[in-house]
Amino acid sequence: MSRVGALCLAAAAAFITTSSARAYDYMALGVGTMPCKYWLSTTRLEGEGNSWILGWWTGLNSRNDNHWVGSRTDGNGIILAVKGVCRHQPDTLLMNAIDSVFRKMANPSK
């Protein structure tokens, strides 16, 4: 695992939030703390962000009562879902876009 991936997992393990307006009780590092448009600006950053997404997602699942959110797809499906959010809201922080997709997959009826 890359150093960025390890940092993402460590930061994600402390992730607890219900809205983007809430004060965070963790420190996050890396491309996930940048706007979506930054993540999608170069091939290198996109690859880094893809790894960040999967590490953050893993951390979210570890802190969630249902540890299998996203299990009806694969990593590529999760990344594509996050890209969809980012294309519509390019100024959203990548970590908030991930959180949005995670919440939708965790509560599909809402």
N, C-alpha and C. Protein backbone atom coordinates (compact mmCIF):
# COMPACT_ATOMS: atom_id res chain seq x y z
N MET A 1 0.86 -1.18 0.00
CA MET A 1 0.00 0.00 0.00
C MET A 1 0.89 1.23 0.00
N SER A 2 0.52 2.22 -0.77
CA SER A 2 1.30 3.45 -0.84
C SER A 2 1.17 4.25 0.45
N ARG A 3 2.08 5.18 0.62
CA ARG A 3 2.04 6.04 1.79
C ARG A 3 0.75 6.86 1.80
N VAL A 4 0.33 7.33 0.62
CA VAL A 4 -0.92 8.09 0.52
C VAL A 4 -2.10 7.21 0.94
N GLY A 5 -2.12 5.97 0.46
CA GLY A 5 -3.20 5.06 0.82
C GLY A 5 -3.24 4.81 2.32
N ALA A 6 -2.07 4.63 2.93
CA ALA A 6 -2.03 4.41 4.38
C ALA A 6 -2.53 5.64 5.13
N LEU A 7 -2.13 6.83 4.67
CA LEU A 7 -2.62 8.05 5.32
C LEU A 7 -4.13 8.18 5.16
N CYS A 8 -4.62 7.82 3.98
CA CYS A 8 -6.07 7.90 3.75
C CYS A 8 -6.81 6.97 4.70
N LEU A 9 -6.30 5.74 4.84
CA LEU A 9 -6.97 4.80 5.75
C LEU A 9 -6.93 5.30 7.19
N ALA A 10 -5.80 5.85 7.59
CA ALA A 10 -5.70 6.35 8.96
C ALA A 10 -6.66 7.53 9.18
N ALA A 11 -6.72 8.42 8.22
CA ALA A 11 -7.62 9.57 8.36
C ALA A 11 -9.07 9.12 8.29
N ALA A 12 -9.36 8.18 7.41
CA ALA A 12 -10.74 7.72 7.25
C ALA A 12 -11.25 7.00 8.49
N ALA A 13 -10.36 6.34 9.20
CA ALA A 13 -10.80 5.62 10.39
C ALA A 13 -11.39 6.56 11.44
N ALA A 14 -11.00 7.81 11.38
CA ALA A 14 -11.52 8.78 12.35
C ALA A 14 -12.67 9.60 11.79
N PHE A 15 -13.15 9.24 10.63
CA PHE A 15 -14.19 10.03 9.95
C PHE A 15 -15.56 9.82 10.56
N ILE A 16 -16.17 10.91 11.04
CA ILE A 16 -17.54 10.87 11.52
C ILE A 16 -18.16 12.20 11.11
N THR A 17 -19.16 12.16 10.23
CA THR A 17 -19.83 13.39 9.84
C THR A 17 -21.21 13.09 9.29
N THR A 18 -22.10 14.02 9.44
CA THR A 18 -23.43 13.87 8.88
C THR A 18 -23.72 14.95 7.85
N SER A 19 -22.94 16.00 7.81
CA SER A 19 -23.12 17.02 6.79
C SER A 19 -21.81 17.76 6.58
N SER A 20 -21.71 18.41 5.42
CA SER A 20 -20.49 19.14 5.13
C SER A 20 -20.34 20.39 6.00
N ALA A 21 -21.40 20.82 6.65
CA ALA A 21 -21.34 22.01 7.50
C ALA A 21 -20.82 21.70 8.90
N ARG A 22 -20.81 20.45 9.28
CA ARG A 22 -20.38 20.05 10.62
C ARG A 22 -18.87 20.18 10.75
N ALA A 23 -18.41 20.57 11.92
CA ALA A 23 -16.98 20.63 12.18
C ALA A 23 -16.45 19.20 12.24
N TYR A 24 -15.33 18.97 11.62
CA TYR A 24 -14.75 17.63 11.57
C TYR A 24 -13.91 17.37 12.82
N ASP A 25 -13.90 16.12 13.27
CA ASP A 25 -13.11 15.76 14.44
C ASP A 25 -11.96 14.83 14.05
N TYR A 26 -11.34 15.13 12.92
CA TYR A 26 -10.21 14.35 12.43
C TYR A 26 -9.37 15.24 11.52
N MET A 27 -8.19 14.77 11.21
CA MET A 27 -7.33 15.46 10.25
C MET A 27 -7.26 14.60 9.00
N ALA A 28 -7.58 15.14 7.87
CA ALA A 28 -7.49 14.43 6.60
C ALA A 28 -6.35 15.04 5.79
N LEU A 29 -5.67 14.21 5.04
CA LEU A 29 -4.54 14.64 4.23
C LEU A 29 -4.69 14.09 2.82
N GLY A 30 -4.10 14.76 1.86
CA GLY A 30 -4.06 14.23 0.51
C GLY A 30 -5.09 14.85 -0.42
N VAL A 31 -5.18 14.26 -1.59
CA VAL A 31 -6.01 14.79 -2.67
C VAL A 31 -7.49 14.85 -2.29
N GLY A 32 -7.93 14.04 -1.36
CA GLY A 32 -9.33 14.04 -0.95
C GLY A 32 -9.76 15.31 -0.26
N THR A 33 -8.81 16.10 0.19
CA THR A 33 -9.13 17.37 0.85
C THR A 33 -9.24 18.51 -0.14
N MET A 34 -9.05 18.20 -1.41
CA MET A 34 -9.10 19.20 -2.47
C MET A 34 -10.43 19.12 -3.22
N PRO A 35 -10.80 20.16 -3.96
CA PRO A 35 -12.04 20.11 -4.75
C PRO A 35 -11.98 19.02 -5.83
N CYS A 36 -13.13 18.54 -6.19
CA CYS A 36 -13.24 17.52 -7.24
C CYS A 36 -12.52 17.94 -8.52
N LYS A 37 -12.64 19.20 -8.90
CA LYS A 37 -12.01 19.65 -10.15
C LYS A 37 -10.49 19.50 -10.09
N TYR A 38 -9.91 19.59 -8.92
CA TYR A 38 -8.47 19.35 -8.76
C TYR A 38 -8.16 17.88 -9.00
N TRP A 39 -8.93 17.00 -8.39
CA TRP A 39 -8.75 15.55 -8.57
C TRP A 39 -8.79 15.18 -10.03
N LEU A 40 -9.71 15.74 -10.78
CA LEU A 40 -9.91 15.36 -12.18
C LEU A 40 -9.08 16.20 -13.16
N SER A 41 -8.16 17.01 -12.66
CA SER A 41 -7.41 17.92 -13.53
C SER A 41 -6.26 17.27 -14.29
N THR A 42 -5.70 16.19 -13.77
CA THR A 42 -4.61 15.49 -14.47
C THR A 42 -4.77 13.99 -14.27
N THR A 43 -4.15 13.23 -15.16
CA THR A 43 -4.20 11.77 -15.05
C THR A 43 -3.55 11.31 -13.75
N ARG A 44 -2.42 11.92 -13.39
CA ARG A 44 -1.72 11.53 -12.15
C ARG A 44 -2.60 11.78 -10.93
N LEU A 45 -3.21 12.95 -10.86
CA LEU A 45 -4.07 13.26 -9.72
C LEU A 45 -5.32 12.38 -9.71
N GLU A 46 -5.81 12.05 -10.88
CA GLU A 46 -6.97 11.16 -10.94
C GLU A 46 -6.63 9.79 -10.36
N GLY A 47 -5.46 9.27 -10.71
CA GLY A 47 -5.03 7.99 -10.15
C GLY A 47 -4.84 8.06 -8.65
N GLU A 48 -4.25 9.16 -8.19
CA GLU A 48 -4.06 9.35 -6.74
C GLU A 48 -5.41 9.44 -6.05
N GLY A 49 -6.33 10.18 -6.65
CA GLY A 49 -7.67 10.33 -6.08
C GLY A 49 -8.44 9.02 -6.06
N ASN A 50 -8.27 8.21 -7.10
CA ASN A 50 -8.95 6.91 -7.12
C ASN A 50 -8.52 6.06 -5.93
N SER A 51 -7.23 6.05 -5.65
CA SER A 51 -6.73 5.31 -4.48
C SER A 51 -7.26 5.92 -3.19
N TRP A 52 -7.31 7.23 -3.14
CA TRP A 52 -7.80 7.94 -1.96
C TRP A 52 -9.26 7.58 -1.72
N ILE A 53 -10.06 7.56 -2.79
CA ILE A 53 -11.48 7.22 -2.67
C ILE A 53 -11.65 5.86 -2.03
N LEU A 54 -10.92 4.87 -2.51
CA LEU A 54 -11.08 3.51 -1.99
C LEU A 54 -10.59 3.39 -0.54
N GLY A 55 -9.54 4.10 -0.20
CA GLY A 55 -9.08 4.09 1.19
C GLY A 55 -10.06 4.77 2.11
N TRP A 56 -10.59 5.92 1.68
CA TRP A 56 -11.57 6.65 2.48
C TRP A 56 -12.83 5.81 2.64
N TRP A 57 -13.26 5.17 1.55
CA TRP A 57 -14.45 4.31 1.58
C TRP A 57 -14.27 3.18 2.59
N THR A 58 -13.10 2.58 2.57
CA THR A 58 -12.81 1.50 3.52
C THR A 58 -12.91 2.00 4.95
N GLY A 59 -12.37 3.18 5.20
CA GLY A 59 -12.46 3.77 6.54
C GLY A 59 -13.90 4.06 6.93
N LEU A 60 -14.70 4.57 5.98
CA LEU A 60 -16.11 4.82 6.27
C LEU A 60 -16.81 3.51 6.63
N ASN A 61 -16.54 2.46 5.88
CA ASN A 61 -17.16 1.18 6.17
C ASN A 61 -16.73 0.64 7.53
N SER A 62 -15.49 0.90 7.91
CA SER A 62 -15.02 0.40 9.21
C SER A 62 -15.73 1.09 10.37
N ARG A 63 -16.19 2.32 10.15
CA ARG A 63 -16.86 3.09 11.20
C ARG A 63 -18.38 2.99 11.14
N ASN A 64 -18.90 2.31 10.16
CA ASN A 64 -20.33 2.22 9.92
C ASN A 64 -20.87 0.92 10.52
N ASP A 65 -22.12 0.95 10.96
CA ASP A 65 -22.74 -0.28 11.47
C ASP A 65 -22.81 -1.36 10.40
N ASN A 66 -23.10 -0.96 9.17
CA ASN A 66 -23.10 -1.88 8.03
C ASN A 66 -21.74 -1.76 7.36
N HIS A 67 -20.89 -2.74 7.56
CA HIS A 67 -19.52 -2.68 7.04
C HIS A 67 -19.44 -3.05 5.56
N TRP A 68 -20.57 -3.19 4.88
CA TRP A 68 -20.59 -3.67 3.50
C TRP A 68 -21.20 -2.67 2.54
N VAL A 69 -21.23 -1.39 2.89
CA VAL A 69 -21.77 -0.38 1.99
C VAL A 69 -20.94 -0.37 0.71
N GLY A 70 -21.62 -0.47 -0.42
CA GLY A 70 -20.94 -0.51 -1.72
C GLY A 70 -20.67 -1.91 -2.22
N SER A 71 -21.09 -2.92 -1.48
CA SER A 71 -20.76 -4.30 -1.86
C SER A 71 -21.54 -4.79 -3.08
N ARG A 72 -22.51 -4.03 -3.53
CA ARG A 72 -23.25 -4.42 -4.75
C ARG A 72 -22.55 -3.95 -6.01
N THR A 73 -21.41 -3.32 -5.85
CA THR A 73 -20.59 -2.89 -6.98
C THR A 73 -19.14 -3.23 -6.66
N ASP A 74 -18.23 -2.64 -7.36
CA ASP A 74 -16.81 -2.84 -7.07
C ASP A 74 -16.14 -1.47 -6.95
N GLY A 75 -14.83 -1.46 -6.80
CA GLY A 75 -14.11 -0.20 -6.65
C GLY A 75 -14.33 0.74 -7.81
N ASN A 76 -14.34 0.20 -9.03
CA ASN A 76 -14.57 1.06 -10.21
C ASN A 76 -15.96 1.67 -10.18
N GLY A 77 -16.95 0.89 -9.74
CA GLY A 77 -18.32 1.42 -9.64
C GLY A 77 -18.42 2.55 -8.64
N ILE A 78 -17.71 2.39 -7.52
CA ILE A 78 -17.70 3.45 -6.50
C ILE A 78 -17.03 4.70 -7.05
N ILE A 79 -15.90 4.53 -7.71
CA ILE A 79 -15.18 5.67 -8.29
C ILE A 79 -16.05 6.37 -9.33
N LEU A 80 -16.73 5.62 -10.18
CA LEU A 80 -17.61 6.22 -11.19
C LEU A 80 -18.76 6.99 -10.54
N ALA A 81 -19.31 6.47 -9.45
CA ALA A 81 -20.38 7.17 -8.75
C ALA A 81 -19.87 8.49 -8.17
N VAL A 82 -18.67 8.47 -7.62
CA VAL A 82 -18.08 9.70 -7.08
C VAL A 82 -17.80 10.69 -8.21
N LYS A 83 -17.31 10.19 -9.35
CA LYS A 83 -17.08 11.07 -10.50
C LYS A 83 -18.37 11.74 -10.94
N GLY A 84 -19.47 11.02 -10.89
CA GLY A 84 -20.76 11.60 -11.25
C GLY A 84 -21.10 12.79 -10.38
N VAL A 85 -20.90 12.65 -9.07
CA VAL A 85 -21.14 13.76 -8.15
C VAL A 85 -20.19 14.91 -8.49
N CYS A 86 -18.94 14.59 -8.72
CA CYS A 86 -17.93 15.62 -8.96
C CYS A 86 -18.16 16.37 -10.27
N ARG A 87 -18.65 15.69 -11.27
CA ARG A 87 -18.93 16.37 -12.54
C ARG A 87 -20.05 17.39 -12.39
N HIS A 88 -21.01 17.10 -11.51
CA HIS A 88 -22.11 18.03 -11.29
C HIS A 88 -21.77 19.11 -10.26
N GLN A 89 -20.80 18.83 -9.40
CA GLN A 89 -20.41 19.77 -8.34
C GLN A 89 -18.88 19.83 -8.24
N PRO A 90 -18.21 20.40 -9.23
CA PRO A 90 -16.74 20.37 -9.27
C PRO A 90 -16.03 21.08 -8.13
N ASP A 91 -16.72 21.99 -7.45
CA ASP A 91 -16.09 22.70 -6.33
C ASP A 91 -16.24 21.97 -4.99
N THR A 92 -16.97 20.87 -4.98
CA THR A 92 -17.14 20.07 -3.77
C THR A 92 -15.81 19.39 -3.43
N LEU A 93 -15.48 19.33 -2.16
CA LEU A 93 -14.28 18.59 -1.76
C LEU A 93 -14.49 17.12 -2.10
N LEU A 94 -13.44 16.47 -2.59
CA LEU A 94 -13.54 15.07 -2.96
C LEU A 94 -14.06 14.23 -1.79
N MET A 95 -13.58 14.48 -0.58
CA MET A 95 -14.03 13.68 0.56
C MET A 95 -15.52 13.87 0.83
N ASN A 96 -16.06 15.04 0.55
CA ASN A 96 -17.49 15.27 0.73
C ASN A 96 -18.30 14.59 -0.37
N ALA A 97 -17.75 14.54 -1.58
CA ALA A 97 -18.41 13.82 -2.67
C ALA A 97 -18.47 12.33 -2.34
N ILE A 98 -17.38 11.80 -1.80
CA ILE A 98 -17.34 10.39 -1.40
C ILE A 98 -18.40 10.14 -0.32
N ASP A 99 -18.44 11.02 0.66
CA ASP A 99 -19.42 10.88 1.75
C ASP A 99 -20.84 10.88 1.20
N SER A 100 -21.11 11.72 0.23
CA SER A 100 -22.44 11.79 -0.37
C SER A 100 -22.82 10.47 -1.03
N VAL A 101 -21.91 9.91 -1.80
CA VAL A 101 -22.17 8.63 -2.46
C VAL A 101 -22.31 7.52 -1.43
N PHE A 102 -21.46 7.55 -0.42
CA PHE A 102 -21.52 6.53 0.64
C PHE A 102 -22.89 6.55 1.32
N ARG A 103 -23.36 7.75 1.68
CA ARG A 103 -24.66 7.86 2.35
C ARG A 103 -25.80 7.36 1.45
N LYS A 104 -25.71 7.68 0.15
CA LYS A 104 -26.75 7.20 -0.78
C LYS A 104 -26.74 5.68 -0.89
N MET A 105 -25.56 5.09 -0.92
CA MET A 105 -25.48 3.62 -1.01
C MET A 105 -25.86 2.97 0.32
N ALA A 106 -25.59 3.64 1.42
CA ALA A 106 -25.93 3.10 2.73
C ALA A 106 -27.44 3.15 2.99
N ASN A 107 -28.11 4.14 2.40
CA ASN A 107 -29.55 4.35 2.57
C ASN A 107 -30.21 4.54 1.21
N PRO A 108 -30.27 3.50 0.40
CA PRO A 108 -30.77 3.65 -0.98
C PRO A 108 -32.21 4.11 -1.08
N SER A 109 -33.02 3.92 -0.04
CA SER A 109 -34.43 4.32 -0.12
C SER A 109 -34.64 5.80 0.14
N LYS A 110 -33.60 6.50 0.61
CA LYS A 110 -33.74 7.93 0.94
C LYS A 110 -33.39 8.78 -0.25
